[in-house]
Amino acid sequence: MTLYVGIDPGKSGYISFYSTESNELEYEKLPSNFDLLYDLLAGKNQLYDSICGLEKATAYKGQGARSINTYLISYGALLGFLEILDYKVYLIPPRTWQAYFNLKSSITISKKADRKTKNKLRYQQKKELKQKSIELANKIWGLNIKDHNLADSLLILKYTIETYKGASNE
């Protein structure tokens, strides 16, 4: 019996679970409280060989120092809990799982464009990718979700299942 886990970390992140025993999909918002997060992970891990795909932490240009600090502290706690609870953890860069599902923006940015235009186009690219992520997760899992963070968690979960299925002790 294997429990697969997909995590899109962050303040608005989600965690998704898929059990090979019951073929059940579960998901929920990542708890912001460390005790609740630990309890959630510990409760799920008791009966299973657990494999977790965790989106690799990245900081972006323009993020404030305080928000990056808060994010990395939470990310470190999450990694620590997964390690303590004996999850097999695979850190997956966003570009890796997005490339796997061929999630690309159709909007191109010219190198000659001015800064204001580039920023506007980057915003449009992000918006387009969020929508594509939602549509793909709904198609794969047969759902009707609207939150791109949940969609990302579900796609990370699917990527983990398909990429690391031989990594369990089954």
C-alpha atoms as a PDB file:
ATOM      1  CA  MET A   1       0.000   0.000   0.000  1.00  0.00           C
ATOM      2  CA  THR A   2       1.401   3.316  -1.042  1.00  0.00           C
ATOM      3  CA  LEU A   3       0.284   6.801  -0.195  1.00  0.00           C
ATOM      4  CA  TYR A   4       1.328   9.411  -2.727  1.00  0.00           C
ATOM      5  CA  VAL A   5       1.435  13.024  -1.659  1.00  0.00           C
ATOM      6  CA  GLY A   6       1.673  16.180  -3.762  1.00  0.00           C
ATOM      7  CA  ILE A   7       2.417  19.477  -2.051  1.00  0.00           C
ATOM      8  CA  ASP A   8       2.274  22.988  -3.430  1.00  0.00           C
ATOM      9  CA  PRO A   9       3.825  24.826  -0.462  1.00  0.00           C
ATOM     10  CA  GLY A  10       3.211  28.375   0.628  1.00  0.00           C
ATOM     11  CA  LYS A  11       0.637  30.473   2.373  1.00  0.00           C
ATOM     12  CA  SER A  12      -2.059  29.541  -0.170  1.00  0.00           C
ATOM     13  CA  GLY A  13      -0.712  26.037  -0.782  1.00  0.00           C
ATOM     14  CA  TYR A  14      -2.498  22.706  -0.830  1.00  0.00           C
ATOM     15  CA  ILE A  15      -1.635  19.110  -0.032  1.00  0.00           C
ATOM     16  CA  SER A  16      -3.095  16.209  -2.009  1.00  0.00           C
ATOM     17  CA  PHE A  17      -3.137  12.517  -1.156  1.00  0.00           C
ATOM     18  CA  TYR A  18      -3.737   9.427  -3.281  1.00  0.00           C
ATOM     19  CA  SER A  19      -3.915   5.927  -1.783  1.00  0.00           C
ATOM     20  CA  THR A  20      -3.188   2.926  -4.022  1.00  0.00           C
ATOM     21  CA  GLU A  21      -5.173   0.740  -1.631  1.00  0.00           C
ATOM     22  CA  SER A  22      -8.465   2.626  -1.795  1.00  0.00           C
ATOM     23  CA  ASN A  23      -7.870   4.583  -5.036  1.00  0.00           C
ATOM     24  CA  GLU A  24      -9.086   7.627  -3.111  1.00  0.00           C
ATOM     25  CA  LEU A  25      -8.039  11.176  -3.774  1.00  0.00           C
ATOM     26  CA  GLU A  26      -8.068  13.648  -0.889  1.00  0.00           C
ATOM     27  CA  TYR A  27      -6.874  17.220  -0.705  1.00  0.00           C
ATOM     28  CA  GLU A  28      -6.946  20.153   1.633  1.00  0.00           C
ATOM     29  CA  LYS A  29      -5.398  23.514   2.244  1.00  0.00           C
ATOM     30  CA  LEU A  30      -2.003  23.322   3.923  1.00  0.00           C
ATOM     31  CA  PRO A  31      -2.500  24.064   7.618  1.00  0.00           C
ATOM     32  CA  SER A  32      -0.791  27.276   8.687  1.00  0.00           C
ATOM     33  CA  ASN A  33      -0.276  25.941  12.210  1.00  0.00           C
ATOM     34  CA  PHE A  34       2.734  23.630  12.598  1.00  0.00           C
ATOM     35  CA  ASP A  35       0.950  21.343  15.084  1.00  0.00           C
ATOM     36  CA  LEU A  36      -1.960  20.810  12.683  1.00  0.00           C
ATOM     37  CA  LEU A  37       0.419  20.213   9.785  1.00  0.00           C
ATOM     38  CA  TYR A  38       2.366  17.604  11.754  1.00  0.00           C
ATOM     39  CA  ASP A  39      -0.848  15.874  12.879  1.00  0.00           C
ATOM     40  CA  LEU A  40      -2.147  15.764   9.297  1.00  0.00           C
ATOM     41  CA  LEU A  41       1.070  14.229   7.964  1.00  0.00           C
ATOM     42  CA  ALA A  42       1.424  11.798  10.886  1.00  0.00           C
ATOM     43  CA  GLY A  43      -2.187  10.637  10.593  1.00  0.00           C
ATOM     44  CA  LYS A  44      -1.856   9.867   6.891  1.00  0.00           C
ATOM     45  CA  ASN A  45       1.483   8.087   7.160  1.00  0.00           C
ATOM     46  CA  GLN A  46       0.581   5.425   9.750  1.00  0.00           C
ATOM     47  CA  LEU A  47      -0.465   2.590   7.437  1.00  0.00           C
ATOM     48  CA  TYR A  48       1.408   3.368   4.255  1.00  0.00           C
ATOM     49  CA  ASP A  49       4.710   3.492   2.494  1.00  0.00           C
ATOM     50  CA  SER A  50       4.523   7.209   1.702  1.00  0.00           C
ATOM     51  CA  ILE A  51       6.046   8.997  -1.283  1.00  0.00           C
ATOM     52  CA  CYS A  52       5.894  12.778  -1.392  1.00  0.00           C
ATOM     53  CA  GLY A  53       6.436  15.133  -4.292  1.00  0.00           C
ATOM     54  CA  LEU A  54       7.168  18.557  -2.810  1.00  0.00           C
ATOM     55  CA  GLU A  55       7.530  21.562  -5.059  1.00  0.00           C
ATOM     56  CA  LYS A  56      11.040  22.885  -4.574  1.00  0.00           C
ATOM     57  CA  ALA A  57      11.181  26.227  -2.790  1.00  0.00           C
ATOM     58  CA  THR A  58      12.010  29.170  -4.972  1.00  0.00           C
ATOM     59  CA  ALA A  59      12.242  32.866  -4.280  1.00  0.00           C
ATOM     60  CA  TYR A  60      11.213  35.325  -6.933  1.00  0.00           C
ATOM     61  CA  LYS A  61      12.504  38.707  -7.894  1.00  0.00           C
ATOM     62  CA  GLY A  62      10.441  41.364  -6.177  1.00  0.00           C
ATOM     63  CA  GLN A  63       9.412  39.280  -3.149  1.00  0.00           C
ATOM     64  CA  GLY A  64       9.950  41.017   0.149  1.00  0.00           C
ATOM     65  CA  ALA A  65      12.589  39.747   2.549  1.00  0.00           C
ATOM     66  CA  ARG A  66      10.009  39.148   5.288  1.00  0.00           C
ATOM     67  CA  SER A  67       7.715  37.059   3.058  1.00  0.00           C
ATOM     68  CA  ILE A  68      10.661  34.989   1.815  1.00  0.00           C
ATOM     69  CA  ASN A  69      11.828  34.435   5.403  1.00  0.00           C
ATOM     70  CA  THR A  70       8.354  33.328   6.547  1.00  0.00           C
ATOM     71  CA  TYR A  71       7.975  31.044   3.532  1.00  0.00           C
ATOM     72  CA  LEU A  72      11.343  29.376   4.054  1.00  0.00           C
ATOM     73  CA  ILE A  73      10.722  28.800   7.761  1.00  0.00           C
ATOM     74  CA  SER A  74       7.435  27.054   6.940  1.00  0.00           C
ATOM     75  CA  TYR A  75       9.091  25.132   4.117  1.00  0.00           C
ATOM     76  CA  GLY A  76      11.848  23.962   6.457  1.00  0.00           C
ATOM     77  CA  ALA A  77       9.308  22.806   9.037  1.00  0.00           C
ATOM     78  CA  LEU A  78       7.429  20.899   6.338  1.00  0.00           C
ATOM     79  CA  LEU A  79      10.639  19.198   5.169  1.00  0.00           C
ATOM     80  CA  GLY A  80      11.527  18.347   8.761  1.00  0.00           C
ATOM     81  CA  PHE A  81       8.126  16.805   9.467  1.00  0.00           C
ATOM     82  CA  LEU A  82       8.263  14.728   6.287  1.00  0.00           C
ATOM     83  CA  GLU A  83      11.729  13.468   7.211  1.00  0.00           C
ATOM     84  CA  ILE A  84      10.793  12.668  10.826  1.00  0.00           C
ATOM     85  CA  LEU A  85       7.691  10.790   9.660  1.00  0.00           C
ATOM     86  CA  ASP A  86       9.743   8.734   7.167  1.00  0.00           C
ATOM     87  CA  TYR A  87       8.169   9.999   3.949  1.00  0.00           C
ATOM     88  CA  LYS A  88      10.257   9.473   0.829  1.00  0.00           C
ATOM     89  CA  VAL A  89      10.565  13.073  -0.352  1.00  0.00           C
ATOM     90  CA  TYR A  90      11.317  14.200  -3.870  1.00  0.00           C
ATOM     91  CA  LEU A  91      11.920  17.906  -4.383  1.00  0.00           C
ATOM     92  CA  ILE A  92      10.421  18.841  -7.727  1.00  0.00           C
ATOM     93  CA  PRO A  93      11.276  22.183  -9.345  1.00  0.00           C
ATOM     94  CA  PRO A  94       8.188  23.924 -10.748  1.00  0.00           C
ATOM     95  CA  ARG A  95       9.610  23.884 -14.270  1.00  0.00           C
ATOM     96  CA  THR A  96      10.093  20.104 -14.101  1.00  0.00           C
ATOM     97  CA  TRP A  97       6.495  19.150 -13.403  1.00  0.00           C
ATOM     98  CA  GLN A  98       5.181  21.930 -15.649  1.00  0.00           C
ATOM     99  CA  ALA A  99       7.343  20.693 -18.550  1.00  0.00           C
ATOM    100  CA  TYR A 100       6.138  17.130 -17.898  1.00  0.00           C
ATOM    101  CA  PHE A 101       2.564  18.295 -18.511  1.00  0.00           C
ATOM    102  CA  ASN A 102       3.660  20.658 -21.301  1.00  0.00           C
ATOM    103  CA  LEU A 103       2.343  23.678 -19.409  1.00  0.00           C
ATOM    104  CA  LYS A 104       3.671  26.624 -21.363  1.00  0.00           C
ATOM    105  CA  SER A 105       2.422  30.081 -22.043  1.00  0.00           C
ATOM    106  CA  SER A 106       1.531  31.016 -25.585  1.00  0.00           C
ATOM    107  CA  ILE A 107       2.586  34.595 -24.821  1.00  0.00           C
ATOM    108  CA  THR A 108       6.128  35.469 -25.831  1.00  0.00           C
ATOM    109  CA  ILE A 109       8.117  38.399 -24.547  1.00  0.00           C
ATOM    110  CA  SER A 110      10.416  40.247 -26.905  1.00  0.00           C
ATOM    111  CA  LYS A 111      13.847  41.061 -25.565  1.00  0.00           C
ATOM    112  CA  LYS A 112      13.439  44.479 -27.135  1.00  0.00           C
ATOM    113  CA  ALA A 113      10.249  45.273 -25.185  1.00  0.00           C
ATOM    114  CA  ASP A 114      10.440  47.991 -22.564  1.00  0.00           C
ATOM    115  CA  ARG A 115      10.259  47.136 -18.860  1.00  0.00           C
ATOM    116  CA  LYS A 116       6.594  48.099 -18.450  1.00  0.00           C
ATOM    117  CA  THR A 117       5.567  45.934 -21.411  1.00  0.00           C
ATOM    118  CA  LYS A 118       7.648  42.983 -20.152  1.00  0.00           C
ATOM    119  CA  ASN A 119       6.019  43.192 -16.710  1.00  0.00           C
ATOM    120  CA  LYS A 120       2.554  43.326 -18.262  1.00  0.00           C
ATOM    121  CA  LEU A 121       3.306  40.299 -20.453  1.00  0.00           C
ATOM    122  CA  ARG A 122       4.785  38.337 -17.503  1.00  0.00           C
ATOM    123  CA  TYR A 123       1.577  38.978 -15.575  1.00  0.00           C
ATOM    124  CA  GLN A 124      -0.460  37.707 -18.543  1.00  0.00           C
ATOM    125  CA  GLN A 125       1.786  34.624 -18.800  1.00  0.00           C
ATOM    126  CA  LYS A 126       1.247  33.810 -15.108  1.00  0.00           C
ATOM    127  CA  LYS A 127      -2.498  34.261 -15.454  1.00  0.00           C
ATOM    128  CA  GLU A 128      -2.596  32.006 -18.521  1.00  0.00           C
ATOM    129  CA  LEU A 129      -0.516  29.284 -16.812  1.00  0.00           C
ATOM    130  CA  LYS A 130      -2.778  29.347 -13.750  1.00  0.00           C
ATOM    131  CA  GLN A 131      -5.826  28.791 -15.957  1.00  0.00           C
ATOM    132  CA  LYS A 132      -4.115  25.998 -17.913  1.00  0.00           C
ATOM    133  CA  SER A 133      -3.119  24.338 -14.644  1.00  0.00           C
ATOM    134  CA  ILE A 134      -6.729  24.386 -13.415  1.00  0.00           C
ATOM    135  CA  GLU A 135      -8.065  23.000 -16.704  1.00  0.00           C
ATOM    136  CA  LEU A 136      -5.486  20.199 -16.813  1.00  0.00           C
ATOM    137  CA  ALA A 137      -6.001  19.143 -13.182  1.00  0.00           C
ATOM    138  CA  ASN A 138      -9.763  19.043 -13.740  1.00  0.00           C
ATOM    139  CA  LYS A 139      -9.308  16.911 -16.855  1.00  0.00           C
ATOM    140  CA  ILE A 140      -6.864  14.463 -15.232  1.00  0.00           C
ATOM    141  CA  TRP A 141      -8.753  13.995 -11.964  1.00  0.00           C
ATOM    142  CA  GLY A 142     -12.344  14.512 -13.207  1.00  0.00           C
ATOM    143  CA  LEU A 143     -12.941  17.446 -10.885  1.00  0.00           C
ATOM    144  CA  ASN A 144     -14.330  20.956 -11.153  1.00  0.00           C
ATOM    145  CA  ILE A 145     -11.898  23.019  -9.090  1.00  0.00           C
ATOM    146  CA  LYS A 146     -11.247  26.733  -9.450  1.00  0.00           C
ATOM    147  CA  ASP A 147      -8.125  27.310  -7.302  1.00  0.00           C
ATOM    148  CA  HIS A 148      -4.797  27.205  -9.156  1.00  0.00           C
ATOM    149  CA  ASN A 149      -2.880  26.322  -5.974  1.00  0.00           C
ATOM    150  CA  LEU A 150      -5.035  23.213  -5.556  1.00  0.00           C
ATOM    151  CA  ALA A 151      -4.580  22.447  -9.255  1.00  0.00           C
ATOM    152  CA  ASP A 152      -0.798  22.695  -8.855  1.00  0.00           C
ATOM    153  CA  SER A 153      -0.905  20.351  -5.862  1.00  0.00           C
ATOM    154  CA  LEU A 154      -2.936  17.820  -7.866  1.00  0.00           C
ATOM    155  CA  LEU A 155      -0.570  18.044 -10.831  1.00  0.00           C
ATOM    156  CA  ILE A 156       2.461  17.602  -8.553  1.00  0.00           C
ATOM    157  CA  LEU A 157       0.673  14.556  -7.100  1.00  0.00           C
ATOM    158  CA  LYS A 158       0.046  13.101 -10.578  1.00  0.00           C
ATOM    159  CA  TYR A 159       3.653  13.783 -11.581  1.00  0.00           C
ATOM    160  CA  THR A 160       4.849  12.031  -8.393  1.00  0.00           C
ATOM    161  CA  ILE A 161       2.652   8.984  -9.017  1.00  0.00           C
ATOM    162  CA  GLU A 162       3.805   8.602 -12.608  1.00  0.00           C
ATOM    163  CA  THR A 163       7.473   9.357 -11.995  1.00  0.00           C
ATOM    164  CA  TYR A 164       8.171   7.592  -8.685  1.00  0.00           C
ATOM    165  CA  LYS A 165       5.797   4.606  -8.687  1.00  0.00           C
ATOM    166  CA  GLY A 166       8.733   2.198  -8.532  1.00  0.00           C
ATOM    167  CA  ALA A 167      10.176   3.917  -5.461  1.00  0.00           C
ATOM    168  CA  SER A 168       7.818   2.304  -2.927  1.00  0.00           C
ATOM    169  CA  ASN A 169       8.507  -0.907  -1.011  1.00  0.00           C
ATOM    170  CA  GLU A 170       5.471  -2.665  -2.492  1.00  0.00           C
END
